[in-house]
Amino acid sequence: MSRLEISGNVKIIHDNSFENVPRLKRLVLFGLAQIISISQDAFGELKSLDSLRIDRVPLGLMKTLKLFRPLGNRNMSSIFIKMVEYSVSADDGSLLMRDCFIDRDKTQYLTSICVKDFSLTNNQIFVMQEDALYSPIWESCLRSIDLSNNPLCGTREAFLRLLTFKNLERISVADTLRAR
């Protein structure tokens, strides 16, 4: 099997969930509205994984970024993360918690993967520290990055570093930057 798409009423993905498909090249997790958890080692068995799409899987950005730990020091063609935000609201509808800040600590596993195309869209990211998306690996590997549809405020400096990446051909930030 080279491609696997998981959607629907999945609640838990364990660390051994993919042990029978070690040659899987493309994994799509889509529309897992009932998801409770994905083990941090779940992707460890996927030695041939080339493309990963996580779309509408409301684990929260911080938990989602931790899932990349077992994929470090690998080469991948694409990583796509869309609408993984997790928020907790009070009974009156006011927002109590939201995962909306990324820094180097949160992206350390992600940026240890040599990936060509990266997309982090529609995740309600408000603040991105300057070094959040920098690593020597990404500086040489990354060809395309899409950070569209995130309401970033006052973090334009985070994008300046991307401009120094050797092989970067495309940066997309549509509907992203907000005035201070």
C-alpha atoms as a PDB file:
ATOM      1  CA  MET A   1       0.000   0.000   0.000  1.00  0.00           C
ATOM      2  CA  SER A   2       1.395   3.387  -0.936  1.00  0.00           C
ATOM      3  CA  ARG A   3      -1.458   5.732   0.112  1.00  0.00           C
ATOM      4  CA  LEU A   4      -3.727   5.666   3.144  1.00  0.00           C
ATOM      5  CA  GLU A   5      -6.513   8.107   3.973  1.00  0.00           C
ATOM      6  CA  ILE A   6      -8.107   8.043   7.403  1.00  0.00           C
ATOM      7  CA  SER A   7     -11.299   9.987   8.057  1.00  0.00           C
ATOM      8  CA  GLY A   8     -14.489   9.691  10.049  1.00  0.00           C
ATOM      9  CA  ASN A   9     -15.078   8.774  13.677  1.00  0.00           C
ATOM     10  CA  VAL A  10     -11.552   7.760  14.671  1.00  0.00           C
ATOM     11  CA  LYS A  11     -10.869   8.646  18.307  1.00  0.00           C
ATOM     12  CA  ILE A  12      -7.354   7.357  19.015  1.00  0.00           C
ATOM     13  CA  ILE A  13      -4.333   6.562  16.855  1.00  0.00           C
ATOM     14  CA  HIS A  14      -1.820   4.473  18.828  1.00  0.00           C
ATOM     15  CA  ASP A  15       1.953   4.220  18.409  1.00  0.00           C
ATOM     16  CA  ASN A  16       1.538   0.854  16.681  1.00  0.00           C
ATOM     17  CA  SER A  17      -1.372   1.836  14.419  1.00  0.00           C
ATOM     18  CA  PHE A  18       0.822   1.937  11.302  1.00  0.00           C
ATOM     19  CA  GLU A  19       3.154  -0.991  12.018  1.00  0.00           C
ATOM     20  CA  ASN A  20       1.615  -3.077   9.210  1.00  0.00           C
ATOM     21  CA  VAL A  21       2.155  -0.412   6.533  1.00  0.00           C
ATOM     22  CA  PRO A  22       5.846   0.531   6.929  1.00  0.00           C
ATOM     23  CA  ARG A  23       6.210   1.254   3.182  1.00  0.00           C
ATOM     24  CA  LEU A  24       3.383   3.764   3.160  1.00  0.00           C
ATOM     25  CA  LYS A  25       4.401   6.814   1.114  1.00  0.00           C
ATOM     26  CA  ARG A  26       1.405   9.099   1.573  1.00  0.00           C
ATOM     27  CA  LEU A  27      -0.753   9.491   4.674  1.00  0.00           C
ATOM     28  CA  VAL A  28      -3.856  11.675   4.837  1.00  0.00           C
ATOM     29  CA  LEU A  29      -5.675  12.331   8.112  1.00  0.00           C
ATOM     30  CA  PHE A  30      -8.847  14.219   7.217  1.00  0.00           C
ATOM     31  CA  GLY A  31     -11.931  15.308   9.102  1.00  0.00           C
ATOM     32  CA  LEU A  32     -11.261  13.491  12.352  1.00  0.00           C
ATOM     33  CA  ALA A  33     -13.685  15.618  14.378  1.00  0.00           C
ATOM     34  CA  GLN A  34     -13.942  13.005  17.154  1.00  0.00           C
ATOM     35  CA  ILE A  35     -10.179  12.540  17.627  1.00  0.00           C
ATOM     36  CA  ILE A  36      -9.037  12.442  21.243  1.00  0.00           C
ATOM     37  CA  SER A  37      -5.351  11.662  20.777  1.00  0.00           C
ATOM     38  CA  ILE A  38      -2.633  10.559  18.416  1.00  0.00           C
ATOM     39  CA  SER A  39       0.398   8.942  20.022  1.00  0.00           C
ATOM     40  CA  GLN A  40       3.585  11.004  19.651  1.00  0.00           C
ATOM     41  CA  ASP A  41       5.256   7.906  18.182  1.00  0.00           C
ATOM     42  CA  ALA A  42       2.428   7.001  15.795  1.00  0.00           C
ATOM     43  CA  PHE A  43       4.390   7.968  12.666  1.00  0.00           C
ATOM     44  CA  GLY A  44       7.569   6.188  13.790  1.00  0.00           C
ATOM     45  CA  GLU A  45       6.865   3.005  11.813  1.00  0.00           C
ATOM     46  CA  LEU A  46       6.362   4.922   8.563  1.00  0.00           C
ATOM     47  CA  LYS A  47       9.948   4.683   7.294  1.00  0.00           C
ATOM     48  CA  SER A  48       9.013   5.459   3.656  1.00  0.00           C
ATOM     49  CA  LEU A  49       6.600   8.327   4.334  1.00  0.00           C
ATOM     50  CA  ASP A  50       7.024  11.039   1.703  1.00  0.00           C
ATOM     51  CA  SER A  51       3.844  13.082   2.096  1.00  0.00           C
ATOM     52  CA  LEU A  52       1.715  13.833   5.153  1.00  0.00           C
ATOM     53  CA  ARG A  53      -1.561  15.751   5.147  1.00  0.00           C
ATOM     54  CA  ILE A  54      -3.306  16.583   8.425  1.00  0.00           C
ATOM     55  CA  ASP A  55      -6.539  18.435   7.663  1.00  0.00           C
ATOM     56  CA  ARG A  56      -9.404  19.193  10.031  1.00  0.00           C
ATOM     57  CA  VAL A  57      -7.950  17.167  12.889  1.00  0.00           C
ATOM     58  CA  PRO A  58      -8.594  19.324  15.996  1.00  0.00           C
ATOM     59  CA  LEU A  59      -5.739  18.195  18.232  1.00  0.00           C
ATOM     60  CA  GLY A  60      -4.317  21.671  18.594  1.00  0.00           C
ATOM     61  CA  LEU A  61      -1.229  23.001  16.884  1.00  0.00           C
ATOM     62  CA  MET A  62       1.169  22.210  19.740  1.00  0.00           C
ATOM     63  CA  LYS A  63       0.129  18.538  19.916  1.00  0.00           C
ATOM     64  CA  THR A  64       0.169  18.244  16.134  1.00  0.00           C
ATOM     65  CA  LEU A  65       3.714  19.622  15.890  1.00  0.00           C
ATOM     66  CA  LYS A  66       4.919  17.073  18.467  1.00  0.00           C
ATOM     67  CA  LEU A  67       3.794  14.269  16.140  1.00  0.00           C
ATOM     68  CA  PHE A  68       6.768  15.021  13.873  1.00  0.00           C
ATOM     69  CA  ARG A  69       9.363  13.840  16.416  1.00  0.00           C
ATOM     70  CA  PRO A  70       9.824  10.338  14.946  1.00  0.00           C
ATOM     71  CA  LEU A  71      10.148  11.786  11.423  1.00  0.00           C
ATOM     72  CA  GLY A  72      13.268  13.823  12.200  1.00  0.00           C
ATOM     73  CA  ASN A  73      16.276  13.592   9.872  1.00  0.00           C
ATOM     74  CA  ARG A  74      14.147  12.244   7.024  1.00  0.00           C
ATOM     75  CA  ASN A  75      13.428  13.574   3.552  1.00  0.00           C
ATOM     76  CA  MET A  76       9.833  14.308   2.576  1.00  0.00           C
ATOM     77  CA  SER A  77       8.268  15.988  -0.417  1.00  0.00           C
ATOM     78  CA  SER A  78       5.325  17.595   1.410  1.00  0.00           C
ATOM     79  CA  ILE A  79       3.772  18.317   4.783  1.00  0.00           C
ATOM     80  CA  PHE A  80       0.333  19.934   4.865  1.00  0.00           C
ATOM     81  CA  ILE A  81      -1.270  21.050   8.147  1.00  0.00           C
ATOM     82  CA  LYS A  82      -4.675  22.713   7.941  1.00  0.00           C
ATOM     83  CA  MET A  83      -7.295  23.507  10.564  1.00  0.00           C
ATOM     84  CA  VAL A  84      -5.792  21.604  13.486  1.00  0.00           C
ATOM     85  CA  GLU A  85      -6.659  24.338  15.948  1.00  0.00           C
ATOM     86  CA  TYR A  86      -8.123  23.430  19.280  1.00  0.00           C
ATOM     87  CA  SER A  87      -9.959  25.899  21.424  1.00  0.00           C
ATOM     88  CA  VAL A  88     -11.917  25.758  24.645  1.00  0.00           C
ATOM     89  CA  SER A  89     -14.841  28.095  25.165  1.00  0.00           C
ATOM     90  CA  ALA A  90     -16.752  29.017  28.291  1.00  0.00           C
ATOM     91  CA  ASP A  91     -20.504  28.440  28.568  1.00  0.00           C
ATOM     92  CA  ASP A  92     -21.092  32.051  27.537  1.00  0.00           C
ATOM     93  CA  GLY A  93     -19.163  31.495  24.291  1.00  0.00           C
ATOM     94  CA  SER A  94     -16.067  33.448  25.304  1.00  0.00           C
ATOM     95  CA  LEU A  95     -12.730  31.944  24.401  1.00  0.00           C
ATOM     96  CA  LEU A  96     -10.791  30.451  27.324  1.00  0.00           C
ATOM     97  CA  MET A  97      -7.860  28.849  25.516  1.00  0.00           C
ATOM     98  CA  ARG A  98      -6.439  28.738  22.020  1.00  0.00           C
ATOM     99  CA  ASP A  99      -3.214  27.334  20.621  1.00  0.00           C
ATOM    100  CA  CYS A 100      -2.149  30.398  18.607  1.00  0.00           C
ATOM    101  CA  PHE A 101       1.575  30.983  19.235  1.00  0.00           C
ATOM    102  CA  ILE A 102       4.496  29.169  17.597  1.00  0.00           C
ATOM    103  CA  ASP A 103       8.138  29.381  18.484  1.00  0.00           C
ATOM    104  CA  ARG A 104      11.325  27.386  17.914  1.00  0.00           C
ATOM    105  CA  ASP A 105      10.541  25.018  20.771  1.00  0.00           C
ATOM    106  CA  LYS A 106       7.207  24.009  19.221  1.00  0.00           C
ATOM    107  CA  THR A 107       8.643  23.546  15.712  1.00  0.00           C
ATOM    108  CA  GLN A 108      11.909  21.774  16.596  1.00  0.00           C
ATOM    109  CA  TYR A 109      10.743  18.345  15.353  1.00  0.00           C
ATOM    110  CA  LEU A 110       9.077  19.704  12.238  1.00  0.00           C
ATOM    111  CA  THR A 111      12.120  21.692  11.157  1.00  0.00           C
ATOM    112  CA  SER A 112      14.384  18.659  11.570  1.00  0.00           C
ATOM    113  CA  ILE A 113      12.696  17.107   8.500  1.00  0.00           C
ATOM    114  CA  CYS A 114      14.089  17.921   5.057  1.00  0.00           C
ATOM    115  CA  VAL A 115      10.794  18.858   3.391  1.00  0.00           C
ATOM    116  CA  LYS A 116      10.335  20.532   0.001  1.00  0.00           C
ATOM    117  CA  ASP A 117       6.767  21.850   0.304  1.00  0.00           C
ATOM    118  CA  PHE A 118       5.255  22.937   3.604  1.00  0.00           C
ATOM    119  CA  SER A 119       1.793  24.320   4.294  1.00  0.00           C
ATOM    120  CA  LEU A 120       0.442  25.578   7.626  1.00  0.00           C
ATOM    121  CA  THR A 121      -2.879  27.205   6.751  1.00  0.00           C
ATOM    122  CA  ASN A 122      -6.077  28.151   8.561  1.00  0.00           C
ATOM    123  CA  ASN A 123      -4.739  27.444  12.054  1.00  0.00           C
ATOM    124  CA  GLN A 124      -5.521  30.725  13.824  1.00  0.00           C
ATOM    125  CA  ILE A 125      -1.845  31.480  14.457  1.00  0.00           C
ATOM    126  CA  PHE A 126      -1.538  34.993  15.870  1.00  0.00           C
ATOM    127  CA  VAL A 127       2.139  35.097  16.832  1.00  0.00           C
ATOM    128  CA  MET A 128       5.131  33.461  15.180  1.00  0.00           C
ATOM    129  CA  GLN A 129       8.559  34.085  16.675  1.00  0.00           C
ATOM    130  CA  GLU A 130      11.349  35.064  14.310  1.00  0.00           C
ATOM    131  CA  ASP A 131      13.162  31.718  14.524  1.00  0.00           C
ATOM    132  CA  ALA A 132      10.049  29.500  14.606  1.00  0.00           C
ATOM    133  CA  LEU A 133      10.509  28.221  11.053  1.00  0.00           C
ATOM    134  CA  TYR A 134      14.285  28.357  10.832  1.00  0.00           C
ATOM    135  CA  SER A 135      16.697  25.454  10.820  1.00  0.00           C
ATOM    136  CA  PRO A 136      19.783  24.753   8.696  1.00  0.00           C
ATOM    137  CA  ILE A 137      17.879  21.783   7.254  1.00  0.00           C
ATOM    138  CA  TRP A 138      14.947  23.915   6.119  1.00  0.00           C
ATOM    139  CA  GLU A 139      17.302  26.616   4.876  1.00  0.00           C
ATOM    140  CA  SER A 140      18.654  24.166   2.295  1.00  0.00           C
ATOM    141  CA  CYS A 141      15.619  21.891   1.652  1.00  0.00           C
ATOM    142  CA  LEU A 142      12.506  24.067   1.657  1.00  0.00           C
ATOM    143  CA  ARG A 143      11.207  25.066  -1.813  1.00  0.00           C
ATOM    144  CA  SER A 144       7.695  26.279  -1.010  1.00  0.00           C
ATOM    145  CA  ILE A 145       5.897  27.484   2.111  1.00  0.00           C
ATOM    146  CA  ASP A 146       2.253  28.484   2.565  1.00  0.00           C
ATOM    147  CA  LEU A 147       1.170  30.229   5.764  1.00  0.00           C
ATOM    148  CA  SER A 148      -2.080  31.638   4.377  1.00  0.00           C
ATOM    149  CA  ASN A 149      -5.202  32.401   6.374  1.00  0.00           C
ATOM    150  CA  ASN A 150      -3.559  32.842   9.767  1.00  0.00           C
ATOM    151  CA  PRO A 151      -4.281  36.162  11.530  1.00  0.00           C
ATOM    152  CA  LEU A 152      -0.640  36.995  12.276  1.00  0.00           C
ATOM    153  CA  CYS A 153      -0.105  40.280  14.091  1.00  0.00           C
ATOM    154  CA  GLY A 154       3.159  42.170  14.054  1.00  0.00           C
ATOM    155  CA  THR A 155       5.454  39.252  13.262  1.00  0.00           C
ATOM    156  CA  ARG A 156       6.701  40.301   9.852  1.00  0.00           C
ATOM    157  CA  GLU A 157      10.259  39.745  11.079  1.00  0.00           C
ATOM    158  CA  ALA A 158       9.559  36.012  11.084  1.00  0.00           C
ATOM    159  CA  PHE A 159       9.249  36.140   7.300  1.00  0.00           C
ATOM    160  CA  LEU A 160      12.525  38.000   6.725  1.00  0.00           C
ATOM    161  CA  ARG A 161      14.538  34.944   7.678  1.00  0.00           C
ATOM    162  CA  LEU A 162      12.676  32.889   5.065  1.00  0.00           C
ATOM    163  CA  LEU A 163      14.016  35.223   2.386  1.00  0.00           C
ATOM    164  CA  THR A 164      17.543  33.956   3.076  1.00  0.00           C
ATOM    165  CA  PHE A 165      16.655  30.304   2.396  1.00  0.00           C
ATOM    166  CA  LYS A 166      18.809  29.076  -0.487  1.00  0.00           C
ATOM    167  CA  ASN A 167      16.227  27.121  -2.498  1.00  0.00           C
ATOM    168  CA  LEU A 168      12.963  28.763  -1.496  1.00  0.00           C
ATOM    169  CA  GLU A 169      10.963  29.564  -4.629  1.00  0.00           C
ATOM    170  CA  ARG A 170       7.519  30.416  -3.227  1.00  0.00           C
ATOM    171  CA  ILE A 171       6.171  32.018  -0.068  1.00  0.00           C
ATOM    172  CA  SER A 172       2.404  32.370   0.232  1.00  0.00           C
ATOM    173  CA  VAL A 173       0.944  34.510   3.008  1.00  0.00           C
ATOM    174  CA  ALA A 174      -2.487  35.376   1.580  1.00  0.00           C
ATOM    175  CA  ASP A 175      -4.937  36.783   4.128  1.00  0.00           C
ATOM    176  CA  THR A 176      -2.296  36.548   6.814  1.00  0.00           C
ATOM    177  CA  LEU A 177      -0.594  39.728   7.942  1.00  0.00           C
ATOM    178  CA  ARG A 178      -2.638  42.134  10.013  1.00  0.00           C
ATOM    179  CA  ALA A 179      -1.709  45.715  10.816  1.00  0.00           C
ATOM    180  CA  ARG A 180      -0.502  46.372  14.349  1.00  0.00           C
END
